Amino acid sequence: MSTYRSVSVLTLVRGRQQHLDHLVAGLDAQRFPPDELVVAYMQDDAPNIETKGAFPVRYVRVEGEPMPLAAARNRAANMADGNVLAFLDVDCIPDPDFVRRAAEGHAFDPQGVFLPEVRYLPGNSEGWRKKNGAPDYNLLAARGVRHPSKRPLNDTSFAPIADFGELWGLAFIMAASVWRSAGGMDEDYVGYGAEETDLGQRLRLSGANMYWIGGTVCFHQHHHVHQPPMQHFHAIVRNARLYHSRWGKWCMDYWLDDFERRGLVKRTAGRLEIMRSPTTAEIAASRQGDDVLFS
């Protein structure tokens, strides 16, 4: 990197200590370490984090039920000192070039928002680290699976994205100034769903540019998913209504369509009505097995 750019990695935590341990191990393995890790924790006590000392860790506690995801990202961004904000889901293990590519993205386009490739891992009770504690990147590369709706980035350096709806909360990168120009995330979104899609629209209106960024992969650690996410039914409906009130269109259509097929909601161009709530049995039945990597 010809010009130094400070990079803050930001993550959100509620539980999932093993996942967090793997994320930190990935940051310890960076060829260019981050300038800091900022952890917004949505639990009573700060998580235990041990690093090799290449970067400081700072914490901010965020209260709220259900999970205040938008607020937590805002608090982490407000605390961060870096020129570049690299948001990384706690479930993700960054490969050794994640921070380097984050800085290079900013050099390529200071107004850019960059989405790296994510590959999904199967369940593995033994974890993904070698005896020395470092991630086993050969094993990760062999077992990680790209989401079928996302394009491969093997031969990509930077590729423009026209649809800002592609913004994905698992991993995204932008300058702190770009984040501030968009106003951060809308904290009226609480619980699961839509806050990232809303941010994409805010970024579009602010004049940001969006790109796929190759040269790095984030490996998503397995946790059980629901198809559809029945356990988040009421949050999804609430946030979908809020998004529609903001932007005049629906988001999370694939989940809303599934809810409608099951008789849970009725949707028109301008209205989303709850017909009934999912039963406990329906929620339990929507939980997928270890072989299902993504929803």
C-alpha atoms as a PDB file:
ATOM      1  CA  MET A   1       0.000   0.000   0.000  1.00  0.00           C
ATOM      2  CA  SER A   2       1.640   3.193  -1.167  1.00  0.00           C
ATOM      3  CA  THR A   3      -0.407   5.451   1.114  1.00  0.00           C
ATOM      4  CA  TYR A   4      -1.243   4.463   4.680  1.00  0.00           C
ATOM      5  CA  ARG A   5      -4.937   4.293   5.538  1.00  0.00           C
ATOM      6  CA  SER A   6      -6.036   3.332   9.022  1.00  0.00           C
ATOM      7  CA  VAL A   7      -8.585   0.516   9.154  1.00  0.00           C
ATOM      8  CA  SER A   8     -11.005  -0.130  12.000  1.00  0.00           C
ATOM      9  CA  VAL A   9     -12.658  -3.557  12.012  1.00  0.00           C
ATOM     10  CA  LEU A  10     -16.079  -3.469  13.647  1.00  0.00           C
ATOM     11  CA  THR A  11     -18.151  -6.405  14.873  1.00  0.00           C
ATOM     12  CA  LEU A  12     -21.317  -6.982  16.910  1.00  0.00           C
ATOM     13  CA  VAL A  13     -21.562  -9.625  19.622  1.00  0.00           C
ATOM     14  CA  ARG A  14     -24.293 -11.362  21.558  1.00  0.00           C
ATOM     15  CA  GLY A  15     -23.007 -14.698  22.746  1.00  0.00           C
ATOM     16  CA  ARG A  16     -21.175 -16.777  20.107  1.00  0.00           C
ATOM     17  CA  GLN A  17     -17.857 -16.642  21.933  1.00  0.00           C
ATOM     18  CA  GLN A  18     -16.301 -19.393  19.799  1.00  0.00           C
ATOM     19  CA  HIS A  19     -17.248 -17.560  16.617  1.00  0.00           C
ATOM     20  CA  LEU A  20     -15.698 -14.388  18.017  1.00  0.00           C
ATOM     21  CA  ASP A  21     -12.524 -16.280  18.945  1.00  0.00           C
ATOM     22  CA  HIS A  22     -12.207 -17.422  15.329  1.00  0.00           C
ATOM     23  CA  LEU A  23     -12.787 -13.886  14.001  1.00  0.00           C
ATOM     24  CA  VAL A  24     -10.035 -12.550  16.268  1.00  0.00           C
ATOM     25  CA  ALA A  25      -7.709 -15.363  15.179  1.00  0.00           C
ATOM     26  CA  GLY A  26      -8.336 -14.237  11.602  1.00  0.00           C
ATOM     27  CA  LEU A  27      -7.410 -10.671  12.489  1.00  0.00           C
ATOM     28  CA  ASP A  28      -4.262 -11.910  14.235  1.00  0.00           C
ATOM     29  CA  ALA A  29      -3.326 -13.632  10.957  1.00  0.00           C
ATOM     30  CA  GLN A  30      -3.637 -10.474   8.820  1.00  0.00           C
ATOM     31  CA  ARG A  31      -0.673  -9.550   6.630  1.00  0.00           C
ATOM     32  CA  PHE A  32      -1.499  -5.936   7.498  1.00  0.00           C
ATOM     33  CA  PRO A  33      -3.138  -5.883  10.938  1.00  0.00           C
ATOM     34  CA  PRO A  34      -6.067  -3.561  11.578  1.00  0.00           C
ATOM     35  CA  ASP A  35      -5.465  -0.401  13.550  1.00  0.00           C
ATOM     36  CA  GLU A  36      -8.136  -1.510  15.995  1.00  0.00           C
ATOM     37  CA  LEU A  37     -11.014  -3.888  16.589  1.00  0.00           C
ATOM     38  CA  VAL A  38     -14.194  -2.237  17.871  1.00  0.00           C
ATOM     39  CA  VAL A  39     -16.686  -4.584  19.511  1.00  0.00           C
ATOM     40  CA  ALA A  40     -20.274  -3.508  20.142  1.00  0.00           C
ATOM     41  CA  TYR A  41     -21.660  -6.046  22.583  1.00  0.00           C
ATOM     42  CA  MET A  42     -25.371  -6.570  23.152  1.00  0.00           C
ATOM     43  CA  GLN A  43     -25.085  -8.526  26.383  1.00  0.00           C
ATOM     44  CA  ASP A  44     -24.411  -7.808  30.044  1.00  0.00           C
ATOM     45  CA  ASP A  45     -20.647  -8.281  30.060  1.00  0.00           C
ATOM     46  CA  ALA A  46     -17.950  -7.568  27.512  1.00  0.00           C
ATOM     47  CA  PRO A  47     -16.748 -10.727  25.756  1.00  0.00           C
ATOM     48  CA  ASN A  48     -13.362 -12.177  26.536  1.00  0.00           C
ATOM     49  CA  ILE A  49     -10.901 -11.392  23.731  1.00  0.00           C
ATOM     50  CA  GLU A  50      -7.278 -12.467  23.598  1.00  0.00           C
ATOM     51  CA  THR A  51      -5.059 -11.251  20.768  1.00  0.00           C
ATOM     52  CA  LYS A  52      -1.368 -11.407  19.922  1.00  0.00           C
ATOM     53  CA  GLY A  53      -1.109  -7.685  20.604  1.00  0.00           C
ATOM     54  CA  ALA A  54      -0.892  -6.442  17.009  1.00  0.00           C
ATOM     55  CA  PHE A  55      -3.972  -4.237  17.446  1.00  0.00           C
ATOM     56  CA  PRO A  56      -5.982  -2.767  20.326  1.00  0.00           C
ATOM     57  CA  VAL A  57      -9.545  -3.851  21.135  1.00  0.00           C
ATOM     58  CA  ARG A  58     -12.154  -1.351  22.240  1.00  0.00           C
ATOM     59  CA  TYR A  59     -15.641  -2.078  23.522  1.00  0.00           C
ATOM     60  CA  VAL A  60     -18.995  -0.341  23.593  1.00  0.00           C
ATOM     61  CA  ARG A  61     -22.073  -1.805  25.270  1.00  0.00           C
ATOM     62  CA  VAL A  62     -25.420  -1.446  23.494  1.00  0.00           C
ATOM     63  CA  GLU A  63     -28.620  -2.138  25.393  1.00  0.00           C
ATOM     64  CA  GLY A  64     -31.936  -3.130  23.891  1.00  0.00           C
ATOM     65  CA  GLU A  65     -34.357  -5.914  23.076  1.00  0.00           C
ATOM     66  CA  PRO A  66     -34.753  -7.347  20.546  1.00  0.00           C
ATOM     67  CA  MET A  67     -31.232  -7.110  19.177  1.00  0.00           C
ATOM     68  CA  PRO A  68     -30.513  -3.444  18.325  1.00  0.00           C
ATOM     69  CA  LEU A  69     -28.409  -4.233  15.263  1.00  0.00           C
ATOM     70  CA  ALA A  70     -28.631  -0.807  13.617  1.00  0.00           C
ATOM     71  CA  ALA A  71     -27.890   0.999  16.871  1.00  0.00           C
ATOM     72  CA  ALA A  72     -24.959  -1.304  17.620  1.00  0.00           C
ATOM     73  CA  ARG A  73     -23.347  -0.645  14.248  1.00  0.00           C
ATOM     74  CA  ASN A  74     -23.806   3.090  14.776  1.00  0.00           C
ATOM     75  CA  ARG A  75     -22.188   2.946  18.213  1.00  0.00           C
ATOM     76  CA  ALA A  76     -19.245   0.964  16.879  1.00  0.00           C
ATOM     77  CA  ALA A  77     -18.778   3.383  13.966  1.00  0.00           C
ATOM     78  CA  ASN A  78     -18.964   6.386  16.293  1.00  0.00           C
ATOM     79  CA  MET A  79     -16.217   4.908  18.461  1.00  0.00           C
ATOM     80  CA  ALA A  80     -13.931   3.904  15.580  1.00  0.00           C
ATOM     81  CA  ASP A  81     -10.873   6.033  14.787  1.00  0.00           C
ATOM     82  CA  GLY A  82     -10.000   4.529  11.395  1.00  0.00           C
ATOM     83  CA  ASN A  83     -10.249   6.239   8.017  1.00  0.00           C
ATOM     84  CA  VAL A  84     -11.796   2.986   6.774  1.00  0.00           C
ATOM     85  CA  LEU A  85     -14.585   1.061   8.517  1.00  0.00           C
ATOM     86  CA  ALA A  86     -14.567  -2.682   7.840  1.00  0.00           C
ATOM     87  CA  PHE A  87     -17.769  -4.190   9.217  1.00  0.00           C
ATOM     88  CA  LEU A  88     -17.433  -7.920   9.843  1.00  0.00           C
ATOM     89  CA  ASP A  89     -20.122 -10.207  11.228  1.00  0.00           C
ATOM     90  CA  VAL A  90     -19.027 -12.076  14.361  1.00  0.00           C
ATOM     91  CA  ASP A  91     -19.640 -15.327  12.485  1.00  0.00           C
ATOM     92  CA  CYS A  92     -16.992 -14.525   9.876  1.00  0.00           C
ATOM     93  CA  ILE A  93     -13.312 -15.486   9.731  1.00  0.00           C
ATOM     94  CA  PRO A  94     -11.404 -13.052   7.497  1.00  0.00           C
ATOM     95  CA  ASP A  95      -8.647 -14.389   5.293  1.00  0.00           C
ATOM     96  CA  PRO A  96      -5.173 -12.817   5.720  1.00  0.00           C
ATOM     97  CA  ASP A  97      -5.778 -10.129   3.076  1.00  0.00           C
ATOM     98  CA  PHE A  98      -9.052  -8.689   4.390  1.00  0.00           C
ATOM     99  CA  VAL A  99      -7.568  -5.574   6.010  1.00  0.00           C
ATOM    100  CA  ARG A 100      -5.105  -4.993   3.154  1.00  0.00           C
ATOM    101  CA  ARG A 101      -7.912  -5.102   0.605  1.00  0.00           C
ATOM    102  CA  ALA A 102     -10.075  -2.827   2.732  1.00  0.00           C
ATOM    103  CA  ALA A 103      -7.355  -0.160   2.581  1.00  0.00           C
ATOM    104  CA  GLU A 104      -6.816  -0.748  -1.145  1.00  0.00           C
ATOM    105  CA  GLY A 105     -10.532  -0.308  -1.747  1.00  0.00           C
ATOM    106  CA  HIS A 106     -10.394   3.131  -0.203  1.00  0.00           C
ATOM    107  CA  ALA A 107      -7.403   3.994  -2.393  1.00  0.00           C
ATOM    108  CA  PHE A 108      -9.311   2.798  -5.470  1.00  0.00           C
ATOM    109  CA  ASP A 109     -12.395   4.932  -4.716  1.00  0.00           C
ATOM    110  CA  PRO A 110     -12.694   6.954  -1.492  1.00  0.00           C
ATOM    111  CA  GLN A 111     -16.452   7.132  -2.135  1.00  0.00           C
ATOM    112  CA  GLY A 112     -16.688   3.369  -2.525  1.00  0.00           C
ATOM    113  CA  VAL A 113     -18.611   0.761  -0.570  1.00  0.00           C
ATOM    114  CA  PHE A 114     -16.979  -2.643  -0.991  1.00  0.00           C
ATOM    115  CA  LEU A 115     -18.481  -6.109  -0.622  1.00  0.00           C
ATOM    116  CA  PRO A 116     -16.020  -9.022  -0.337  1.00  0.00           C
ATOM    117  CA  GLU A 117     -16.817 -12.624  -1.116  1.00  0.00           C
ATOM    118  CA  VAL A 118     -18.373 -14.698   1.667  1.00  0.00           C
ATOM    119  CA  ARG A 119     -18.148 -18.483   1.731  1.00  0.00           C
ATOM    120  CA  TYR A 120     -20.259 -20.555   4.073  1.00  0.00           C
ATOM    121  CA  LEU A 121     -18.875 -23.309   6.266  1.00  0.00           C
ATOM    122  CA  PRO A 122     -20.596 -26.481   7.485  1.00  0.00           C
ATOM    123  CA  GLY A 123     -20.905 -27.270  11.157  1.00  0.00           C
ATOM    124  CA  ASN A 124     -17.637 -28.273  12.801  1.00  0.00           C
ATOM    125  CA  SER A 125     -17.636 -28.815  16.559  1.00  0.00           C
ATOM    126  CA  GLU A 126     -13.829 -28.908  16.602  1.00  0.00           C
ATOM    127  CA  GLY A 127     -13.555 -25.432  15.111  1.00  0.00           C
ATOM    128  CA  TRP A 128     -11.374 -24.162  12.288  1.00  0.00           C
ATOM    129  CA  ARG A 129      -8.058 -23.421  13.997  1.00  0.00           C
ATOM    130  CA  LYS A 130      -4.727 -25.190  13.867  1.00  0.00           C
ATOM    131  CA  LYS A 131      -2.819 -26.249  16.974  1.00  0.00           C
ATOM    132  CA  ASN A 132      -1.016 -22.902  17.035  1.00  0.00           C
ATOM    133  CA  GLY A 133      -4.364 -21.099  17.183  1.00  0.00           C
ATOM    134  CA  ALA A 134      -4.283 -19.679  13.657  1.00  0.00           C
ATOM    135  CA  PRO A 135      -7.176 -20.361  11.282  1.00  0.00           C
ATOM    136  CA  ASP A 136      -6.643 -23.390   9.057  1.00  0.00           C
ATOM    137  CA  TYR A 137      -7.079 -21.540   5.788  1.00  0.00           C
ATOM    138  CA  ASN A 138      -6.473 -24.615   3.635  1.00  0.00           C
ATOM    139  CA  LEU A 139      -9.356 -26.345   5.365  1.00  0.00           C
ATOM    140  CA  LEU A 140     -11.519 -23.243   5.185  1.00  0.00           C
ATOM    141  CA  ALA A 141     -10.908 -22.901   1.449  1.00  0.00           C
ATOM    142  CA  ALA A 142     -11.720 -26.562   0.909  1.00  0.00           C
ATOM    143  CA  ARG A 143     -14.969 -26.472   2.888  1.00  0.00           C
ATOM    144  CA  GLY A 144     -16.348 -22.987   2.238  1.00  0.00           C
ATOM    145  CA  VAL A 145     -19.264 -22.684  -0.211  1.00  0.00           C
ATOM    146  CA  ARG A 146     -20.281 -19.520  -2.059  1.00  0.00           C
ATOM    147  CA  HIS A 147     -23.926 -18.480  -1.763  1.00  0.00           C
ATOM    148  CA  PRO A 148     -25.637 -19.406  -5.064  1.00  0.00           C
ATOM    149  CA  SER A 149     -27.149 -15.927  -5.420  1.00  0.00           C
ATOM    150  CA  LYS A 150     -23.725 -14.241  -5.334  1.00  0.00           C
ATOM    151  CA  ARG A 151     -21.262 -14.017  -8.194  1.00  0.00           C
ATOM    152  CA  PRO A 152     -17.755 -15.538  -7.910  1.00  0.00           C
ATOM    153  CA  LEU A 153     -14.980 -13.011  -7.331  1.00  0.00           C
ATOM    154  CA  ASN A 154     -11.954 -15.211  -8.021  1.00  0.00           C
ATOM    155  CA  ASP A 155     -10.750 -13.094 -10.943  1.00  0.00           C
ATOM    156  CA  THR A 156     -12.155  -9.763  -9.739  1.00  0.00           C
ATOM    157  CA  SER A 157     -10.258  -6.795  -8.376  1.00  0.00           C
ATOM    158  CA  PHE A 158     -13.103  -4.264  -8.271  1.00  0.00           C
ATOM    159  CA  ALA A 159     -16.421  -4.646 -10.101  1.00  0.00           C
ATOM    160  CA  PRO A 160     -19.159  -1.984  -9.983  1.00  0.00           C
ATOM    161  CA  ILE A 161     -22.541  -2.889  -8.471  1.00  0.00           C
ATOM    162  CA  ALA A 162     -25.573  -1.061  -9.813  1.00  0.00           C
ATOM    163  CA  ASP A 163     -28.084  -2.456  -7.291  1.00  0.00           C
ATOM    164  CA  PHE A 164     -27.482  -1.067  -3.808  1.00  0.00           C
ATOM    165  CA  GLY A 165     -29.826  -3.754  -2.537  1.00  0.00           C
ATOM    166  CA  GLU A 166     -26.800  -6.054  -2.730  1.00  0.00           C
ATOM    167  CA  LEU A 167     -25.460  -4.586   0.511  1.00  0.00           C
ATOM    168  CA  TRP A 168     -24.945  -7.526   2.837  1.00  0.00           C
ATOM    169  CA  GLY A 169     -24.345  -7.164   6.538  1.00  0.00           C
ATOM    170  CA  LEU A 170     -21.922 -10.061   6.827  1.00  0.00           C
ATOM    171  CA  ALA A 171     -19.013  -8.017   5.494  1.00  0.00           C
ATOM    172  CA  PHE A 172     -18.903  -4.517   4.013  1.00  0.00           C
ATOM    173  CA  ILE A 173     -16.282  -1.802   3.869  1.00  0.00           C
ATOM    174  CA  MET A 174     -16.381   1.969   3.396  1.00  0.00           C
ATOM    175  CA  ALA A 175     -14.642   5.156   4.453  1.00  0.00           C
ATOM    176  CA  ALA A 176     -15.796   6.657   7.722  1.00  0.00           C
ATOM    177  CA  SER A 177     -16.703   9.793   5.767  1.00  0.00           C
ATOM    178  CA  VAL A 178     -18.973   7.769   3.461  1.00  0.00           C
ATOM    179  CA  TRP A 179     -20.703   6.253   6.482  1.00  0.00           C
ATOM    180  CA  ARG A 180     -21.256   9.704   7.978  1.00  0.00           C
ATOM    181  CA  SER A 181     -22.527  11.143   4.677  1.00  0.00           C
ATOM    182  CA  ALA A 182     -25.193   8.442   4.564  1.00  0.00           C
ATOM    183  CA  GLY A 183     -26.120   9.113   8.184  1.00  0.00           C
ATOM    184  CA  GLY A 184     -25.233   5.636   9.388  1.00  0.00           C
ATOM    185  CA  MET A 185     -28.016   3.153  10.005  1.00  0.00           C
ATOM    186  CA  ASP A 186     -31.628   4.031  10.806  1.00  0.00           C
ATOM    187  CA  GLU A 187     -32.141   3.018  14.433  1.00  0.00           C
ATOM    188  CA  ASP A 188     -35.901   2.769  13.979  1.00  0.00           C
ATOM    189  CA  TYR A 189     -35.149  -0.716  12.654  1.00  0.00           C
ATOM    190  CA  VAL A 190     -34.975  -3.077  15.609  1.00  0.00           C
ATOM    191  CA  GLY A 191     -34.657  -6.830  15.621  1.00  0.00           C
ATOM    192  CA  TYR A 192     -34.015  -8.801  12.498  1.00  0.00           C
ATOM    193  CA  GLY A 193     -34.186  -7.555   8.932  1.00  0.00           C
ATOM    194  CA  ALA A 194     -34.118  -4.584   6.544  1.00  0.00           C
ATOM    195  CA  GLU A 195     -31.641  -2.258   8.290  1.00  0.00           C
ATOM    196  CA  GLU A 196     -28.898  -3.211   5.815  1.00  0.00           C
ATOM    197  CA  THR A 197     -31.181  -2.782   2.796  1.00  0.00           C
ATOM    198  CA  ASP A 198     -32.211   0.615   4.117  1.00  0.00           C
ATOM    199  CA  LEU A 199     -28.541   1.572   4.522  1.00  0.00           C
ATOM    200  CA  GLY A 200     -27.964   0.636   0.892  1.00  0.00           C
ATOM    201  CA  GLN A 201     -30.600   3.152  -0.173  1.00  0.00           C
ATOM    202  CA  ARG A 202     -29.139   5.829   2.103  1.00  0.00           C
ATOM    203  CA  LEU A 203     -25.712   5.224   0.603  1.00  0.00           C
ATOM    204  CA  ARG A 204     -27.116   5.460  -2.922  1.00  0.00           C
ATOM    205  CA  LEU A 205     -28.747   8.806  -2.183  1.00  0.00           C
ATOM    206  CA  SER A 206     -25.553  10.096  -0.565  1.00  0.00           C
ATOM    207  CA  GLY A 207     -23.590   9.606  -3.799  1.00  0.00           C
ATOM    208  CA  ALA A 208     -21.552   6.574  -2.785  1.00  0.00           C
ATOM    209  CA  ASN A 209     -20.410   3.954  -5.302  1.00  0.00           C
ATOM    210  CA  MET A 210     -20.671   0.225  -4.658  1.00  0.00           C
ATOM    211  CA  TYR A 211     -18.285  -2.531  -5.753  1.00  0.00           C
ATOM    212  CA  TRP A 212     -17.544  -6.179  -5.406  1.00  0.00           C
ATOM    213  CA  ILE A 213     -13.999  -6.473  -4.101  1.00  0.00           C
ATOM    214  CA  GLY A 214     -11.929  -9.526  -4.918  1.00  0.00           C
ATOM    215  CA  GLY A 215      -8.659 -10.687  -3.437  1.00  0.00           C
ATOM    216  CA  THR A 216     -10.126 -11.604  -0.052  1.00  0.00           C
ATOM    217  CA  VAL A 217     -12.669 -14.071   1.328  1.00  0.00           C
ATOM    218  CA  CYS A 218     -14.606 -14.068   4.586  1.00  0.00           C
ATOM    219  CA  PHE A 219     -15.618 -17.511   5.828  1.00  0.00           C
ATOM    220  CA  HIS A 220     -19.003 -17.647   7.542  1.00  0.00           C
ATOM    221  CA  GLN A 221     -19.110 -20.031  10.487  1.00  0.00           C
ATOM    222  CA  HIS A 222     -22.112 -22.301  10.648  1.00  0.00           C
ATOM    223  CA  HIS A 223     -25.115 -21.746  12.842  1.00  0.00           C
ATOM    224  CA  HIS A 224     -28.574 -23.208  12.390  1.00  0.00           C
ATOM    225  CA  VAL A 225     -30.862 -21.250  10.089  1.00  0.00           C
ATOM    226  CA  HIS A 226     -34.613 -21.201   9.680  1.00  0.00           C
ATOM    227  CA  GLN A 227     -36.316 -21.333   6.270  1.00  0.00           C
ATOM    228  CA  PRO A 228     -38.137 -19.011   6.385  1.00  0.00           C
ATOM    229  CA  PRO A 229     -36.938 -17.261   9.569  1.00  0.00           C
ATOM    230  CA  MET A 230     -40.188 -17.859  11.456  1.00  0.00           C
ATOM    231  CA  GLN A 231     -38.537 -17.000  14.780  1.00  0.00           C
ATOM    232  CA  HIS A 232     -38.166 -13.411  13.521  1.00  0.00           C
ATOM    233  CA  PHE A 233     -41.660 -13.195  12.004  1.00  0.00           C
ATOM    234  CA  HIS A 234     -42.903 -10.117  13.858  1.00  0.00           C
ATOM    235  CA  ALA A 235     -39.617  -8.207  13.476  1.00  0.00           C
ATOM    236  CA  ILE A 236     -39.539  -8.934   9.742  1.00  0.00           C
ATOM    237  CA  VAL A 237     -43.116  -7.723   9.266  1.00  0.00           C
ATOM    238  CA  ARG A 238     -42.503  -4.605  11.363  1.00  0.00           C
ATOM    239  CA  ASN A 239     -39.270  -3.717   9.598  1.00  0.00           C
ATOM    240  CA  ALA A 240     -40.726  -4.446   6.159  1.00  0.00           C
ATOM    241  CA  ARG A 241     -43.543  -2.005   6.897  1.00  0.00           C
ATOM    242  CA  LEU A 242     -41.034   0.582   8.072  1.00  0.00           C
ATOM    243  CA  TYR A 243     -38.914   0.130   4.942  1.00  0.00           C
ATOM    244  CA  HIS A 244     -42.020   0.537   2.765  1.00  0.00           C
ATOM    245  CA  SER A 245     -42.900   3.746   4.583  1.00  0.00           C
ATOM    246  CA  ARG A 246     -39.385   5.062   3.923  1.00  0.00           C
ATOM    247  CA  TRP A 247     -38.907   3.985   0.301  1.00  0.00           C
ATOM    248  CA  GLY A 248     -42.347   3.175  -1.140  1.00  0.00           C
ATOM    249  CA  LYS A 249     -41.519  -0.454  -1.904  1.00  0.00           C
ATOM    250  CA  TRP A 250     -41.117  -3.746  -0.114  1.00  0.00           C
ATOM    251  CA  CYS A 251     -37.910  -5.518   0.838  1.00  0.00           C
ATOM    252  CA  MET A 252     -37.314  -9.087   2.062  1.00  0.00           C
ATOM    253  CA  ASP A 253     -39.771 -10.169  -0.646  1.00  0.00           C
ATOM    254  CA  TYR A 254     -38.605 -13.775  -0.585  1.00  0.00           C
ATOM    255  CA  TRP A 255     -39.513 -14.113   3.091  1.00  0.00           C
ATOM    256  CA  LEU A 256     -42.751 -12.153   2.777  1.00  0.00           C
ATOM    257  CA  ASP A 257     -43.781 -14.314  -0.196  1.00  0.00           C
ATOM    258  CA  ASP A 258     -43.112 -17.437   1.861  1.00  0.00           C
ATOM    259  CA  PHE A 259     -45.108 -16.066   4.782  1.00  0.00           C
ATOM    260  CA  GLU A 260     -47.967 -15.299   2.402  1.00  0.00           C
ATOM    261  CA  ARG A 261     -47.955 -18.810   0.910  1.00  0.00           C
ATOM    262  CA  ARG A 262     -48.349 -20.143   4.455  1.00  0.00           C
ATOM    263  CA  GLY A 263     -51.282 -17.856   5.170  1.00  0.00           C
ATOM    264  CA  LEU A 264     -49.410 -15.791   7.738  1.00  0.00           C
ATOM    265  CA  VAL A 265     -49.633 -12.441   5.939  1.00  0.00           C
ATOM    266  CA  LYS A 266     -51.488 -10.777   3.094  1.00  0.00           C
ATOM    267  CA  ARG A 267     -49.579  -8.250   1.023  1.00  0.00           C
ATOM    268  CA  THR A 268     -50.631  -5.697  -1.561  1.00  0.00           C
ATOM    269  CA  ALA A 269     -48.714  -2.887  -3.245  1.00  0.00           C
ATOM    270  CA  GLY A 270     -49.154  -0.682  -0.189  1.00  0.00           C
ATOM    271  CA  ARG A 271     -50.238  -2.857   2.726  1.00  0.00           C
ATOM    272  CA  LEU A 272     -48.868  -5.786   4.719  1.00  0.00           C
ATOM    273  CA  GLU A 273     -51.419  -7.418   7.012  1.00  0.00           C
ATOM    274  CA  ILE A 274     -50.786 -10.155   9.558  1.00  0.00           C
ATOM    275  CA  MET A 275     -53.378 -12.902   9.150  1.00  0.00           C
ATOM    276  CA  ARG A 276     -52.007 -15.028  11.982  1.00  0.00           C
ATOM    277  CA  SER A 277     -48.751 -15.588  13.851  1.00  0.00           C
ATOM    278  CA  PRO A 278     -46.696 -18.742  13.241  1.00  0.00           C
ATOM    279  CA  THR A 279     -47.267 -21.496  15.750  1.00  0.00           C
ATOM    280  CA  THR A 280     -44.566 -22.901  17.989  1.00  0.00           C
ATOM    281  CA  ALA A 281     -44.625 -26.039  15.868  1.00  0.00           C
ATOM    282  CA  GLU A 282     -44.173 -24.053  12.644  1.00  0.00           C
ATOM    283  CA  ILE A 283     -41.228 -22.166  14.106  1.00  0.00           C
ATOM    284  CA  ALA A 284     -39.615 -25.416  15.219  1.00  0.00           C
ATOM    285  CA  ALA A 285     -40.226 -27.030  11.818  1.00  0.00           C
ATOM    286  CA  SER A 286     -38.552 -24.151   9.994  1.00  0.00           C
ATOM    287  CA  ARG A 287     -35.238 -24.830  11.768  1.00  0.00           C
ATOM    288  CA  GLN A 288     -32.846 -26.489   9.324  1.00  0.00           C
ATOM    289  CA  GLY A 289     -30.268 -29.182   9.905  1.00  0.00           C
ATOM    290  CA  ASP A 290     -26.484 -29.008   9.951  1.00  0.00           C
ATOM    291  CA  ASP A 291     -26.334 -29.533   6.183  1.00  0.00           C
ATOM    292  CA  VAL A 292     -28.133 -26.248   5.397  1.00  0.00           C
ATOM    293  CA  LEU A 293     -25.571 -23.451   5.231  1.00  0.00           C
ATOM    294  CA  PHE A 294     -27.696 -20.400   4.419  1.00  0.00           C
ATOM    295  CA  SER A 295     -31.305 -19.278   4.203  1.00  0.00           C
END
